[in-house]
Amino acid sequence: MKKALLRAFGGLDRSYLFKQYLVGIAIFAICAFIVNRYSDGLGLYTLLTFSVNTLLYPYSRYLFQSMLKAVFGNTVFDKGAAILTVLRVASIIVCWIAAWLIAPFGLVYLYFRGGQKSVR
């Protein structure tokens, strides 16, 4: 069991994880600020949910990027940079919000991919 968990969770490069955790922490902070400002404060359930989403976000994002690469390949989009930026930010937010749903599939993908280090 320990070997399987290490194979799945250890399948991403440390620099990729660091970058994605920074993005996840930034989203956590923004969401915590919004919830704290417009409600009665952060409850335990909210903090737990935000923390789990932040911890699982890199694996969610990795699966999403892998799927995009499988669909689009090396296609380069040279028009509509504003639209693509909005879509990218939206996909980041969706991956963070749904990390608890998407990340388990990402971990299974990493496990069956062979546990090789992936560089993004």
PDB file of N, CA and C in Angstrom:
ATOM      1  N   MET A   1       0.830  -1.197   0.000  1.00  0.00           N
ATOM      2  CA  MET A   1       0.000   0.000   0.000  1.00  0.00           C
ATOM      3  C   MET A   1       0.869   1.252   0.000  1.00  0.00           C
ATOM      4  N   LYS A   2       1.909   1.242   0.834  1.00  0.00           N
ATOM      5  CA  LYS A   2       2.801   2.400   0.910  1.00  0.00           C
ATOM      6  C   LYS A   2       3.486   2.640  -0.432  1.00  0.00           C
ATOM      7  N   LYS A   3       3.893   1.553  -1.073  1.00  0.00           N
ATOM      8  CA  LYS A   3       4.549   1.666  -2.377  1.00  0.00           C
ATOM      9  C   LYS A   3       3.605   2.263  -3.424  1.00  0.00           C
ATOM     10  N   ALA A   4       2.336   1.853  -3.378  1.00  0.00           N
ATOM     11  CA  ALA A   4       1.349   2.367  -4.328  1.00  0.00           C
ATOM     12  C   ALA A   4       1.109   3.860  -4.112  1.00  0.00           C
ATOM     13  N   LEU A   5       0.996   4.277  -2.843  1.00  0.00           N
ATOM     14  CA  LEU A   5       0.807   5.707  -2.550  1.00  0.00           C
ATOM     15  C   LEU A   5       2.016   6.536  -2.982  1.00  0.00           C
ATOM     16  N   LEU A   6       3.221   6.023  -2.723  1.00  0.00           N
ATOM     17  CA  LEU A   6       4.423   6.744  -3.149  1.00  0.00           C
ATOM     18  C   LEU A   6       4.508   6.815  -4.668  1.00  0.00           C
ATOM     19  N   ARG A   7       4.084   5.757  -5.323  1.00  0.00           N
ATOM     20  CA  ARG A   7       4.116   5.746  -6.790  1.00  0.00           C
ATOM     21  C   ARG A   7       3.150   6.784  -7.366  1.00  0.00           C
ATOM     22  N   ALA A   8       1.969   6.919  -6.758  1.00  0.00           N
ATOM     23  CA  ALA A   8       0.981   7.879  -7.254  1.00  0.00           C
ATOM     24  C   ALA A   8       1.343   9.305  -6.858  1.00  0.00           C
ATOM     25  N   PHE A   9       1.567   9.542  -5.565  1.00  0.00           N
ATOM     26  CA  PHE A   9       1.837  10.898  -5.092  1.00  0.00           C
ATOM     27  C   PHE A   9       3.223  11.386  -5.487  1.00  0.00           C
ATOM     28  N   GLY A  10       4.145  10.484  -5.737  1.00  0.00           N
ATOM     29  CA  GLY A  10       5.499  10.890  -6.106  1.00  0.00           C
ATOM     30  C   GLY A  10       5.720  10.988  -7.600  1.00  0.00           C
ATOM     31  N   GLY A  11       4.660  10.927  -8.373  1.00  0.00           N
ATOM     32  CA  GLY A  11       4.783  10.903  -9.824  1.00  0.00           C
ATOM     33  C   GLY A  11       4.983  12.256 -10.480  1.00  0.00           C
ATOM     34  N   LEU A  12       4.890  13.337  -9.720  1.00  0.00           N
ATOM     35  CA  LEU A  12       5.057  14.671 -10.302  1.00  0.00           C
ATOM     36  C   LEU A  12       6.389  15.280  -9.865  1.00  0.00           C
ATOM     37  N   ASP A  13       6.943  16.075 -10.738  1.00  0.00           N
ATOM     38  CA  ASP A  13       8.206  16.762 -10.464  1.00  0.00           C
ATOM     39  C   ASP A  13       8.012  17.786  -9.347  1.00  0.00           C
ATOM     40  N   ARG A  14       9.028  17.958  -8.520  1.00  0.00           N
ATOM     41  CA  ARG A  14       8.927  18.881  -7.378  1.00  0.00           C
ATOM     42  C   ARG A  14       8.704  20.327  -7.800  1.00  0.00           C
ATOM     43  N   SER A  15       9.326  20.761  -8.876  1.00  0.00           N
ATOM     44  CA  SER A  15       9.140  22.149  -9.321  1.00  0.00           C
ATOM     45  C   SER A  15       7.703  22.371  -9.798  1.00  0.00           C
ATOM     46  N   TYR A  16       7.128  21.370 -10.459  1.00  0.00           N
ATOM     47  CA  TYR A  16       5.735  21.464 -10.890  1.00  0.00           C
ATOM     48  C   TYR A  16       4.820  21.529  -9.672  1.00  0.00           C
ATOM     49  N   LEU A  17       5.073  20.660  -8.696  1.00  0.00           N
ATOM     50  CA  LEU A  17       4.270  20.666  -7.474  1.00  0.00           C
ATOM     51  C   LEU A  17       4.358  22.006  -6.755  1.00  0.00           C
ATOM     52  N   PHE A  18       5.577  22.546  -6.651  1.00  0.00           N
ATOM     53  CA  PHE A  18       5.774  23.823  -5.958  1.00  0.00           C
ATOM     54  C   PHE A  18       4.970  24.928  -6.632  1.00  0.00           C
ATOM     55  N   LYS A  19       5.061  24.995  -7.959  1.00  0.00           N
ATOM     56  CA  LYS A  19       4.334  26.027  -8.703  1.00  0.00           C
ATOM     57  C   LYS A  19       2.827  25.870  -8.530  1.00  0.00           C
ATOM     58  N   GLN A  20       2.340  24.656  -8.618  1.00  0.00           N
ATOM     59  CA  GLN A  20       0.899  24.428  -8.491  1.00  0.00           C
ATOM     60  C   GLN A  20       0.410  24.665  -7.068  1.00  0.00           C
ATOM     61  N   TYR A  21       1.247  24.332  -6.070  1.00  0.00           N
ATOM     62  CA  TYR A  21       0.858  24.620  -4.686  1.00  0.00           C
ATOM     63  C   TYR A  21       0.800  26.126  -4.434  1.00  0.00           C
ATOM     64  N   LEU A  22       1.688  26.889  -5.056  1.00  0.00           N
ATOM     65  CA  LEU A  22       1.611  28.352  -4.926  1.00  0.00           C
ATOM     66  C   LEU A  22       0.298  28.880  -5.504  1.00  0.00           C
ATOM     67  N   VAL A  23      -0.092  28.369  -6.648  1.00  0.00           N
ATOM     68  CA  VAL A  23      -1.360  28.774  -7.255  1.00  0.00           C
ATOM     69  C   VAL A  23      -2.525  28.360  -6.352  1.00  0.00           C
ATOM     70  N   GLY A  24      -2.478  27.134  -5.831  1.00  0.00           N
ATOM     71  CA  GLY A  24      -3.531  26.655  -4.950  1.00  0.00           C
ATOM     72  C   GLY A  24      -3.642  27.472  -3.672  1.00  0.00           C
ATOM     73  N   ILE A  25      -2.501  27.858  -3.106  1.00  0.00           N
ATOM     74  CA  ILE A  25      -2.507  28.685  -1.893  1.00  0.00           C
ATOM     75  C   ILE A  25      -3.072  30.068  -2.194  1.00  0.00           C
ATOM     76  N   ALA A  26      -2.751  30.607  -3.368  1.00  0.00           N
ATOM     77  CA  ALA A  26      -3.296  31.917  -3.750  1.00  0.00           C
ATOM     78  C   ALA A  26      -4.820  31.838  -3.875  1.00  0.00           C
ATOM     79  N   ILE A  27      -5.327  30.779  -4.494  1.00  0.00           N
ATOM     80  CA  ILE A  27      -6.782  30.627  -4.616  1.00  0.00           C
ATOM     81  C   ILE A  27      -7.400  30.441  -3.232  1.00  0.00           C
ATOM     82  N   PHE A  28      -6.756  29.650  -2.379  1.00  0.00           N
ATOM     83  CA  PHE A  28      -7.215  29.461  -1.006  1.00  0.00           C
ATOM     84  C   PHE A  28      -7.349  30.811  -0.299  1.00  0.00           C
ATOM     85  N   ALA A  29      -6.320  31.643  -0.417  1.00  0.00           N
ATOM     86  CA  ALA A  29      -6.321  32.947   0.260  1.00  0.00           C
ATOM     87  C   ALA A  29      -7.438  33.849  -0.269  1.00  0.00           C
ATOM     88  N   ILE A  30      -7.611  33.867  -1.577  1.00  0.00           N
ATOM     89  CA  ILE A  30      -8.659  34.708  -2.170  1.00  0.00           C
ATOM     90  C   ILE A  30     -10.038  34.222  -1.725  1.00  0.00           C
ATOM     91  N   CYS A  31     -10.264  32.918  -1.779  1.00  0.00           N
ATOM     92  CA  CYS A  31     -11.565  32.374  -1.361  1.00  0.00           C
ATOM     93  C   CYS A  31     -11.804  32.593   0.128  1.00  0.00           C
ATOM     94  N   ALA A  32     -10.769  32.415   0.941  1.00  0.00           N
ATOM     95  CA  ALA A  32     -10.910  32.631   2.389  1.00  0.00           C
ATOM     96  C   ALA A  32     -11.235  34.091   2.677  1.00  0.00           C
ATOM     97  N   PHE A  33     -10.596  35.006   1.957  1.00  0.00           N
ATOM     98  CA  PHE A  33     -10.877  36.434   2.130  1.00  0.00           C
ATOM     99  C   PHE A  33     -12.335  36.737   1.779  1.00  0.00           C
ATOM    100  N   ILE A  34     -12.792  36.208   0.651  1.00  0.00           N
ATOM    101  CA  ILE A  34     -14.166  36.462   0.216  1.00  0.00           C
ATOM    102  C   ILE A  34     -15.167  35.876   1.211  1.00  0.00           C
ATOM    103  N   VAL A  35     -14.951  34.635   1.637  1.00  0.00           N
ATOM    104  CA  VAL A  35     -15.877  34.002   2.583  1.00  0.00           C
ATOM    105  C   VAL A  35     -15.867  34.747   3.912  1.00  0.00           C
ATOM    106  N   ASN A  36     -14.684  35.130   4.383  1.00  0.00           N
ATOM    107  CA  ASN A  36     -14.576  35.835   5.663  1.00  0.00           C
ATOM    108  C   ASN A  36     -15.236  37.205   5.605  1.00  0.00           C
ATOM    109  N   ARG A  37     -15.118  37.862   4.474  1.00  0.00           N
ATOM    110  CA  ARG A  37     -15.657  39.213   4.344  1.00  0.00           C
ATOM    111  C   ARG A  37     -17.174  39.228   4.219  1.00  0.00           C
ATOM    112  N   TYR A  38     -17.717  38.274   3.472  1.00  0.00           N
ATOM    113  CA  TYR A  38     -19.142  38.315   3.165  1.00  0.00           C
ATOM    114  C   TYR A  38     -19.984  37.290   3.928  1.00  0.00           C
ATOM    115  N   SER A  39     -19.429  36.675   4.936  1.00  0.00           N
ATOM    116  CA  SER A  39     -20.222  35.773   5.771  1.00  0.00           C
ATOM    117  C   SER A  39     -19.790  35.947   7.228  1.00  0.00           C
ATOM    118  N   ASP A  40     -20.217  35.042   8.065  1.00  0.00           N
ATOM    119  CA  ASP A  40     -19.923  35.155   9.496  1.00  0.00           C
ATOM    120  C   ASP A  40     -18.513  34.706   9.851  1.00  0.00           C
ATOM    121  N   GLY A  41     -17.731  34.356   8.913  1.00  0.00           N
ATOM    122  CA  GLY A  41     -16.360  33.912   9.169  1.00  0.00           C
ATOM    123  C   GLY A  41     -16.123  32.534   8.584  1.00  0.00           C
ATOM    124  N   LEU A  42     -14.892  32.082   8.735  1.00  0.00           N
ATOM    125  CA  LEU A  42     -14.511  30.780   8.212  1.00  0.00           C
ATOM    126  C   LEU A  42     -14.807  29.703   9.248  1.00  0.00           C
ATOM    127  N   GLY A  43     -15.624  28.757   8.875  1.00  0.00           N
ATOM    128  CA  GLY A  43     -15.923  27.646   9.760  1.00  0.00           C
ATOM    129  C   GLY A  43     -14.917  26.525   9.562  1.00  0.00           C
ATOM    130  N   LEU A  44     -14.968  25.551  10.424  1.00  0.00           N
ATOM    131  CA  LEU A  44     -14.058  24.411  10.344  1.00  0.00           C
ATOM    132  C   LEU A  44     -14.257  23.645   9.040  1.00  0.00           C
ATOM    133  N   TYR A  45     -15.510  23.433   8.645  1.00  0.00           N
ATOM    134  CA  TYR A  45     -15.788  22.712   7.407  1.00  0.00           C
ATOM    135  C   TYR A  45     -15.222  23.461   6.192  1.00  0.00           C
ATOM    136  N   THR A  46     -15.367  24.768   6.187  1.00  0.00           N
ATOM    137  CA  THR A  46     -14.847  25.572   5.077  1.00  0.00           C
ATOM    138  C   THR A  46     -13.330  25.479   5.017  1.00  0.00           C
ATOM    139  N   LEU A  47     -12.668  25.619   6.139  1.00  0.00           N
ATOM    140  CA  LEU A  47     -11.207  25.520   6.168  1.00  0.00           C
ATOM    141  C   LEU A  47     -10.736  24.131   5.745  1.00  0.00           C
ATOM    142  N   LEU A  48     -11.437  23.112   6.186  1.00  0.00           N
ATOM    143  CA  LEU A  48     -11.076  21.742   5.818  1.00  0.00           C
ATOM    144  C   LEU A  48     -11.251  21.528   4.315  1.00  0.00           C
ATOM    145  N   THR A  49     -12.359  21.998   3.776  1.00  0.00           N
ATOM    146  CA  THR A  49     -12.618  21.862   2.340  1.00  0.00           C
ATOM    147  C   THR A  49     -11.580  22.623   1.524  1.00  0.00           C
ATOM    148  N   PHE A  50     -11.298  23.857   1.905  1.00  0.00           N
ATOM    149  CA  PHE A  50     -10.295  24.656   1.197  1.00  0.00           C
ATOM    150  C   PHE A  50      -8.922  24.000   1.273  1.00  0.00           C
ATOM    151  N   SER A  51      -8.587  23.431   2.429  1.00  0.00           N
ATOM    152  CA  SER A  51      -7.274  22.783   2.598  1.00  0.00           C
ATOM    153  C   SER A  51      -7.156  21.535   1.735  1.00  0.00           C
ATOM    154  N   VAL A  52      -8.200  20.717   1.723  1.00  0.00           N
ATOM    155  CA  VAL A  52      -8.177  19.503   0.897  1.00  0.00           C
ATOM    156  C   VAL A  52      -8.076  19.874  -0.583  1.00  0.00           C
ATOM    157  N   ASN A  53      -8.844  20.863  -1.002  1.00  0.00           N
ATOM    158  CA  ASN A  53      -8.769  21.304  -2.404  1.00  0.00           C
ATOM    159  C   ASN A  53      -7.375  21.804  -2.752  1.00  0.00           C
ATOM    160  N   THR A  54      -6.750  22.536  -1.848  1.00  0.00           N
ATOM    161  CA  THR A  54      -5.416  23.058  -2.099  1.00  0.00           C
ATOM    162  C   THR A  54      -4.389  21.933  -2.181  1.00  0.00           C
ATOM    163  N   LEU A  55      -4.485  20.941  -1.312  1.00  0.00           N
ATOM    164  CA  LEU A  55      -3.539  19.827  -1.327  1.00  0.00           C
ATOM    165  C   LEU A  55      -3.700  18.935  -2.556  1.00  0.00           C
ATOM    166  N   LEU A  56      -4.922  18.791  -3.042  1.00  0.00           N
ATOM    167  CA  LEU A  56      -5.173  17.926  -4.196  1.00  0.00           C
ATOM    168  C   LEU A  56      -5.115  18.656  -5.531  1.00  0.00           C
ATOM    169  N   TYR A  57      -5.061  19.977  -5.495  1.00  0.00           N
ATOM    170  CA  TYR A  57      -5.104  20.777  -6.717  1.00  0.00           C
ATOM    171  C   TYR A  57      -4.030  20.389  -7.752  1.00  0.00           C
ATOM    172  N   PRO A  58      -2.753  20.186  -7.377  1.00  0.00           N
ATOM    173  CA  PRO A  58      -1.761  19.858  -8.417  1.00  0.00           C
ATOM    174  C   PRO A  58      -2.101  18.592  -9.207  1.00  0.00           C
ATOM    175  N   TYR A  59      -2.680  17.600  -8.545  1.00  0.00           N
ATOM    176  CA  TYR A  59      -3.023  16.356  -9.229  1.00  0.00           C
ATOM    177  C   TYR A  59      -4.243  16.545 -10.121  1.00  0.00           C
ATOM    178  N   SER A  60      -5.150  17.379  -9.710  1.00  0.00           N
ATOM    179  CA  SER A  60      -6.315  17.722 -10.515  1.00  0.00           C
ATOM    180  C   SER A  60      -5.872  18.470 -11.770  1.00  0.00           C
ATOM    181  N   ARG A  61      -5.026  19.441 -11.581  1.00  0.00           N
ATOM    182  CA  ARG A  61      -4.538  20.257 -12.694  1.00  0.00           C
ATOM    183  C   ARG A  61      -3.716  19.418 -13.670  1.00  0.00           C
ATOM    184  N   TYR A  62      -2.923  18.499 -13.132  1.00  0.00           N
ATOM    185  CA  TYR A  62      -2.105  17.648 -13.986  1.00  0.00           C
ATOM    186  C   TYR A  62      -2.972  16.793 -14.911  1.00  0.00           C
ATOM    187  N   LEU A  63      -4.031  16.213 -14.345  1.00  0.00           N
ATOM    188  CA  LEU A  63      -4.930  15.405 -15.168  1.00  0.00           C
ATOM    189  C   LEU A  63      -5.597  16.266 -16.237  1.00  0.00           C
ATOM    190  N   PHE A  64      -6.032  17.460 -15.855  1.00  0.00           N
ATOM    191  CA  PHE A  64      -6.677  18.361 -16.812  1.00  0.00           C
ATOM    192  C   PHE A  64      -5.710  18.717 -17.950  1.00  0.00           C
ATOM    193  N   GLN A  65      -4.458  19.058 -17.601  1.00  0.00           N
ATOM    194  CA  GLN A  65      -3.478  19.413 -18.627  1.00  0.00           C
ATOM    195  C   GLN A  65      -3.125  18.216 -19.501  1.00  0.00           C
ATOM    196  N   SER A  66      -3.082  17.027 -18.923  1.00  0.00           N
ATOM    197  CA  SER A  66      -2.808  15.820 -19.703  1.00  0.00           C
ATOM    198  C   SER A  66      -3.921  15.549 -20.700  1.00  0.00           C
ATOM    199  N   MET A  67      -5.161  15.773 -20.264  1.00  0.00           N
ATOM    200  CA  MET A  67      -6.287  15.584 -21.168  1.00  0.00           C
ATOM    201  C   MET A  67      -6.266  16.604 -22.300  1.00  0.00           C
ATOM    202  N   LEU A  68      -5.945  17.848 -21.972  1.00  0.00           N
ATOM    203  CA  LEU A  68      -5.846  18.864 -23.021  1.00  0.00           C
ATOM    204  C   LEU A  68      -4.752  18.526 -24.020  1.00  0.00           C
ATOM    205  N   LYS A  69      -3.631  18.051 -23.516  1.00  0.00           N
ATOM    206  CA  LYS A  69      -2.526  17.690 -24.406  1.00  0.00           C
ATOM    207  C   LYS A  69      -2.920  16.525 -25.302  1.00  0.00           C
ATOM    208  N   ALA A  70      -3.684  15.576 -24.765  1.00  0.00           N
ATOM    209  CA  ALA A  70      -4.130  14.442 -25.569  1.00  0.00           C
ATOM    210  C   ALA A  70      -5.097  14.884 -26.665  1.00  0.00           C
ATOM    211  N   VAL A  71      -5.938  15.868 -26.372  1.00  0.00           N
ATOM    212  CA  VAL A  71      -6.925  16.330 -27.345  1.00  0.00           C
ATOM    213  C   VAL A  71      -6.308  17.268 -28.379  1.00  0.00           C
ATOM    214  N   PHE A  72      -5.538  18.254 -27.895  1.00  0.00           N
ATOM    215  CA  PHE A  72      -5.032  19.289 -28.793  1.00  0.00           C
ATOM    216  C   PHE A  72      -3.611  19.045 -29.276  1.00  0.00           C
ATOM    217  N   GLY A  73      -2.843  18.206 -28.615  1.00  0.00           N
ATOM    218  CA  GLY A  73      -1.467  17.954 -29.019  1.00  0.00           C
ATOM    219  C   GLY A  73      -0.611  19.196 -28.869  1.00  0.00           C
ATOM    220  N   ASN A  74       0.150  19.498 -29.893  1.00  0.00           N
ATOM    221  CA  ASN A  74       1.036  20.663 -29.864  1.00  0.00           C
ATOM    222  C   ASN A  74       0.448  21.849 -30.623  1.00  0.00           C
ATOM    223  N   THR A  75      -0.848  21.954 -30.642  1.00  0.00           N
ATOM    224  CA  THR A  75      -1.511  23.045 -31.333  1.00  0.00           C
ATOM    225  C   THR A  75      -1.172  24.369 -30.662  1.00  0.00           C
ATOM    226  N   VAL A  76      -0.840  25.370 -31.472  1.00  0.00           N
ATOM    227  CA  VAL A  76      -0.520  26.697 -30.960  1.00  0.00           C
ATOM    228  C   VAL A  76      -1.646  27.637 -31.369  1.00  0.00           C
ATOM    229  N   PHE A  77      -2.215  28.309 -30.376  1.00  0.00           N
ATOM    230  CA  PHE A  77      -3.267  29.285 -30.638  1.00  0.00           C
ATOM    231  C   PHE A  77      -2.629  30.665 -30.651  1.00  0.00           C
ATOM    232  N   ASP A  78      -2.716  31.346 -31.799  1.00  0.00           N
ATOM    233  CA  ASP A  78      -2.049  32.643 -31.910  1.00  0.00           C
ATOM    234  C   ASP A  78      -3.029  33.817 -31.923  1.00  0.00           C
ATOM    235  N   LYS A  79      -4.282  33.562 -31.825  1.00  0.00           N
ATOM    236  CA  LYS A  79      -5.269  34.643 -31.815  1.00  0.00           C
ATOM    237  C   LYS A  79      -6.120  34.547 -30.563  1.00  0.00           C
ATOM    238  N   GLY A  80      -6.663  35.656 -30.139  1.00  0.00           N
ATOM    239  CA  GLY A  80      -7.569  35.651 -29.000  1.00  0.00           C
ATOM    240  C   GLY A  80      -6.887  35.393 -27.677  1.00  0.00           C
ATOM    241  N   ALA A  81      -5.790  36.069 -27.407  1.00  0.00           N
ATOM    242  CA  ALA A  81      -5.051  35.847 -26.170  1.00  0.00           C
ATOM    243  C   ALA A  81      -5.896  36.169 -24.938  1.00  0.00           C
ATOM    244  N   ALA A  82      -6.742  37.181 -25.043  1.00  0.00           N
ATOM    245  CA  ALA A  82      -7.587  37.554 -23.908  1.00  0.00           C
ATOM    246  C   ALA A  82      -8.579  36.440 -23.583  1.00  0.00           C
ATOM    247  N   ILE A  83      -9.162  35.867 -24.609  1.00  0.00           N
ATOM    248  CA  ILE A  83     -10.117  34.772 -24.402  1.00  0.00           C
ATOM    249  C   ILE A  83      -9.403  33.558 -23.810  1.00  0.00           C
ATOM    250  N   LEU A  84      -8.226  33.240 -24.335  1.00  0.00           N
ATOM    251  CA  LEU A  84      -7.485  32.087 -23.821  1.00  0.00           C
ATOM    252  C   LEU A  84      -7.047  32.307 -22.382  1.00  0.00           C
ATOM    253  N   THR A  85      -6.700  33.545 -22.023  1.00  0.00           N
ATOM    254  CA  THR A  85      -6.324  33.841 -20.645  1.00  0.00           C
ATOM    255  C   THR A  85      -7.506  33.661 -19.710  1.00  0.00           C
ATOM    256  N   VAL A  86      -8.661  34.135 -20.113  1.00  0.00           N
ATOM    257  CA  VAL A  86      -9.864  33.961 -19.300  1.00  0.00           C
ATOM    258  C   VAL A  86     -10.195  32.477 -19.157  1.00  0.00           C
ATOM    259  N   LEU A  87     -10.085  31.708 -20.236  1.00  0.00           N
ATOM    260  CA  LEU A  87     -10.345  30.273 -20.174  1.00  0.00           C
ATOM    261  C   LEU A  87      -9.336  29.552 -19.288  1.00  0.00           C
ATOM    262  N   ARG A  88      -8.095  29.981 -19.331  1.00  0.00           N
ATOM    263  CA  ARG A  88      -7.067  29.360 -18.485  1.00  0.00           C
ATOM    264  C   ARG A  88      -7.343  29.624 -17.009  1.00  0.00           C
ATOM    265  N   VAL A  89      -7.666  30.869 -16.674  1.00  0.00           N
ATOM    266  CA  VAL A  89      -7.981  31.201 -15.281  1.00  0.00           C
ATOM    267  C   VAL A  89      -9.225  30.435 -14.835  1.00  0.00           C
ATOM    268  N   ALA A  90     -10.213  30.353 -15.702  1.00  0.00           N
ATOM    269  CA  ALA A  90     -11.432  29.602 -15.366  1.00  0.00           C
ATOM    270  C   ALA A  90     -11.115  28.126 -15.141  1.00  0.00           C
ATOM    271  N   SER A  91     -10.244  27.564 -15.964  1.00  0.00           N
ATOM    272  CA  SER A  91      -9.892  26.146 -15.788  1.00  0.00           C
ATOM    273  C   SER A  91      -9.109  25.930 -14.497  1.00  0.00           C
ATOM    274  N   ILE A  92      -8.277  26.882 -14.111  1.00  0.00           N
ATOM    275  CA  ILE A  92      -7.542  26.790 -12.845  1.00  0.00           C
ATOM    276  C   ILE A  92      -8.523  26.792 -11.677  1.00  0.00           C
ATOM    277  N   ILE A  93      -9.495  27.691 -11.728  1.00  0.00           N
ATOM    278  CA  ILE A  93     -10.473  27.785 -10.646  1.00  0.00           C
ATOM    279  C   ILE A  93     -11.330  26.523 -10.580  1.00  0.00           C
ATOM    280  N   VAL A  94     -11.753  26.012 -11.719  1.00  0.00           N
ATOM    281  CA  VAL A  94     -12.559  24.785 -11.748  1.00  0.00           C
ATOM    282  C   VAL A  94     -11.743  23.608 -11.207  1.00  0.00           C
ATOM    283  N   CYS A  95     -10.473  23.514 -11.582  1.00  0.00           N
ATOM    284  CA  CYS A  95      -9.629  22.422 -11.076  1.00  0.00           C
ATOM    285  C   CYS A  95      -9.454  22.518  -9.566  1.00  0.00           C
ATOM    286  N   TRP A  96      -9.377  23.726  -9.019  1.00  0.00           N
ATOM    287  CA  TRP A  96      -9.241  23.876  -7.568  1.00  0.00           C
ATOM    288  C   TRP A  96     -10.547  23.530  -6.863  1.00  0.00           C
ATOM    289  N   ILE A  97     -11.655  24.033  -7.391  1.00  0.00           N
ATOM    290  CA  ILE A  97     -12.954  23.772  -6.758  1.00  0.00           C
ATOM    291  C   ILE A  97     -13.292  22.280  -6.786  1.00  0.00           C
ATOM    292  N   ALA A  98     -13.024  21.630  -7.889  1.00  0.00           N
ATOM    293  CA  ALA A  98     -13.378  20.218  -8.046  1.00  0.00           C
ATOM    294  C   ALA A  98     -12.196  19.286  -7.803  1.00  0.00           C
ATOM    295  N   ALA A  99     -11.161  19.756  -7.127  1.00  0.00           N
ATOM    296  CA  ALA A  99      -9.967  18.942  -6.906  1.00  0.00           C
ATOM    297  C   ALA A  99     -10.291  17.640  -6.186  1.00  0.00           C
ATOM    298  N   TRP A 100     -11.211  17.683  -5.250  1.00  0.00           N
ATOM    299  CA  TRP A 100     -11.557  16.474  -4.502  1.00  0.00           C
ATOM    300  C   TRP A 100     -12.248  15.444  -5.394  1.00  0.00           C
ATOM    301  N   LEU A 101     -12.797  15.873  -6.527  1.00  0.00           N
ATOM    302  CA  LEU A 101     -13.414  14.945  -7.472  1.00  0.00           C
ATOM    303  C   LEU A 101     -12.436  14.499  -8.563  1.00  0.00           C
ATOM    304  N   ILE A 102     -11.616  15.414  -9.047  1.00  0.00           N
ATOM    305  CA  ILE A 102     -10.742  15.150 -10.192  1.00  0.00           C
ATOM    306  C   ILE A 102      -9.432  14.487  -9.779  1.00  0.00           C
ATOM    307  N   ALA A 103      -8.857  14.906  -8.646  1.00  0.00           N
ATOM    308  CA  ALA A 103      -7.534  14.436  -8.237  1.00  0.00           C
ATOM    309  C   ALA A 103      -7.434  12.917  -8.073  1.00  0.00           C
ATOM    310  N   PRO A 104      -8.440  12.229  -7.535  1.00  0.00           N
ATOM    311  CA  PRO A 104      -8.291  10.769  -7.453  1.00  0.00           C
ATOM    312  C   PRO A 104      -8.048  10.113  -8.814  1.00  0.00           C
ATOM    313  N   PHE A 105      -8.692  10.636  -9.853  1.00  0.00           N
ATOM    314  CA  PHE A 105      -8.444  10.118 -11.202  1.00  0.00           C
ATOM    315  C   PHE A 105      -7.031  10.467 -11.670  1.00  0.00           C
ATOM    316  N   GLY A 106      -6.562  11.653 -11.288  1.00  0.00           N
ATOM    317  CA  GLY A 106      -5.194  12.035 -11.605  1.00  0.00           C
ATOM    318  C   GLY A 106      -4.173  11.146 -10.917  1.00  0.00           C
ATOM    319  N   LEU A 107      -4.447  10.784  -9.666  1.00  0.00           N
ATOM    320  CA  LEU A 107      -3.545   9.892  -8.929  1.00  0.00           C
ATOM    321  C   LEU A 107      -3.539   8.494  -9.533  1.00  0.00           C
ATOM    322  N   VAL A 108      -4.701   8.014  -9.950  1.00  0.00           N
ATOM    323  CA  VAL A 108      -4.766   6.713 -10.616  1.00  0.00           C
ATOM    324  C   VAL A 108      -4.002   6.771 -11.933  1.00  0.00           C
ATOM    325  N   TYR A 109      -4.160   7.858 -12.664  1.00  0.00           N
ATOM    326  CA  TYR A 109      -3.428   8.035 -13.922  1.00  0.00           C
ATOM    327  C   TYR A 109      -1.925   8.018 -13.676  1.00  0.00           C
ATOM    328  N   LEU A 110      -1.471   8.740 -12.652  1.00  0.00           N
ATOM    329  CA  LEU A 110      -0.044   8.747 -12.328  1.00  0.00           C
ATOM    330  C   LEU A 110       0.443   7.361 -11.918  1.00  0.00           C
ATOM    331  N   TYR A 111      -0.368   6.646 -11.181  1.00  0.00           N
ATOM    332  CA  TYR A 111       0.012   5.297 -10.751  1.00  0.00           C
ATOM    333  C   TYR A 111       0.193   4.382 -11.955  1.00  0.00           C
ATOM    334  N   PHE A 112      -0.770   4.371 -12.866  1.00  0.00           N
ATOM    335  CA  PHE A 112      -0.701   3.474 -14.012  1.00  0.00           C
ATOM    336  C   PHE A 112       0.255   3.956 -15.091  1.00  0.00           C
ATOM    337  N   ARG A 113       0.589   5.210 -15.071  1.00  0.00           N
ATOM    338  CA  ARG A 113       1.553   5.731 -16.029  1.00  0.00           C
ATOM    339  C   ARG A 113       2.941   5.194 -15.725  1.00  0.00           C
ATOM    340  N   GLY A 114       3.133   4.689 -14.539  1.00  0.00           N
ATOM    341  CA  GLY A 114       4.412   4.055 -14.220  1.00  0.00           C
ATOM    342  C   GLY A 114       5.180   4.743 -13.131  1.00  0.00           C
ATOM    343  N   GLY A 115       4.630   5.807 -12.570  1.00  0.00           N
ATOM    344  CA  GLY A 115       5.336   6.501 -11.503  1.00  0.00           C
ATOM    345  C   GLY A 115       6.558   7.257 -11.972  1.00  0.00           C
ATOM    346  N   GLN A 116       6.676   7.450 -13.286  1.00  0.00           N
ATOM    347  CA  GLN A 116       7.805   8.204 -13.809  1.00  0.00           C
ATOM    348  C   GLN A 116       7.638   9.660 -13.455  1.00  0.00           C
ATOM    349  N   LYS A 117       8.747  10.335 -13.226  1.00  0.00           N
ATOM    350  CA  LYS A 117       8.690  11.768 -12.924  1.00  0.00           C
ATOM    351  C   LYS A 117       8.205  12.495 -14.175  1.00  0.00           C
ATOM    352  N   SER A 118       7.262  13.399 -13.961  1.00  0.00           N
ATOM    353  CA  SER A 118       6.695  14.165 -15.059  1.00  0.00           C
ATOM    354  C   SER A 118       7.113  15.610 -14.926  1.00  0.00           C
ATOM    355  N   VAL A 119       7.564  16.180 -16.020  1.00  0.00           N
ATOM    356  CA  VAL A 119       7.962  17.583 -16.023  1.00  0.00           C
ATOM    357  C   VAL A 119       6.983  18.342 -16.883  1.00  0.00           C
ATOM    358  N   ARG A 120       6.391  19.392 -16.328  1.00  0.00           N
ATOM    359  CA  ARG A 120       5.440  20.229 -17.070  1.00  0.00           C
ATOM    360  C   ARG A 120       5.997  21.601 -17.152  1.00  0.00           C
TER     361      ARG A 120
END
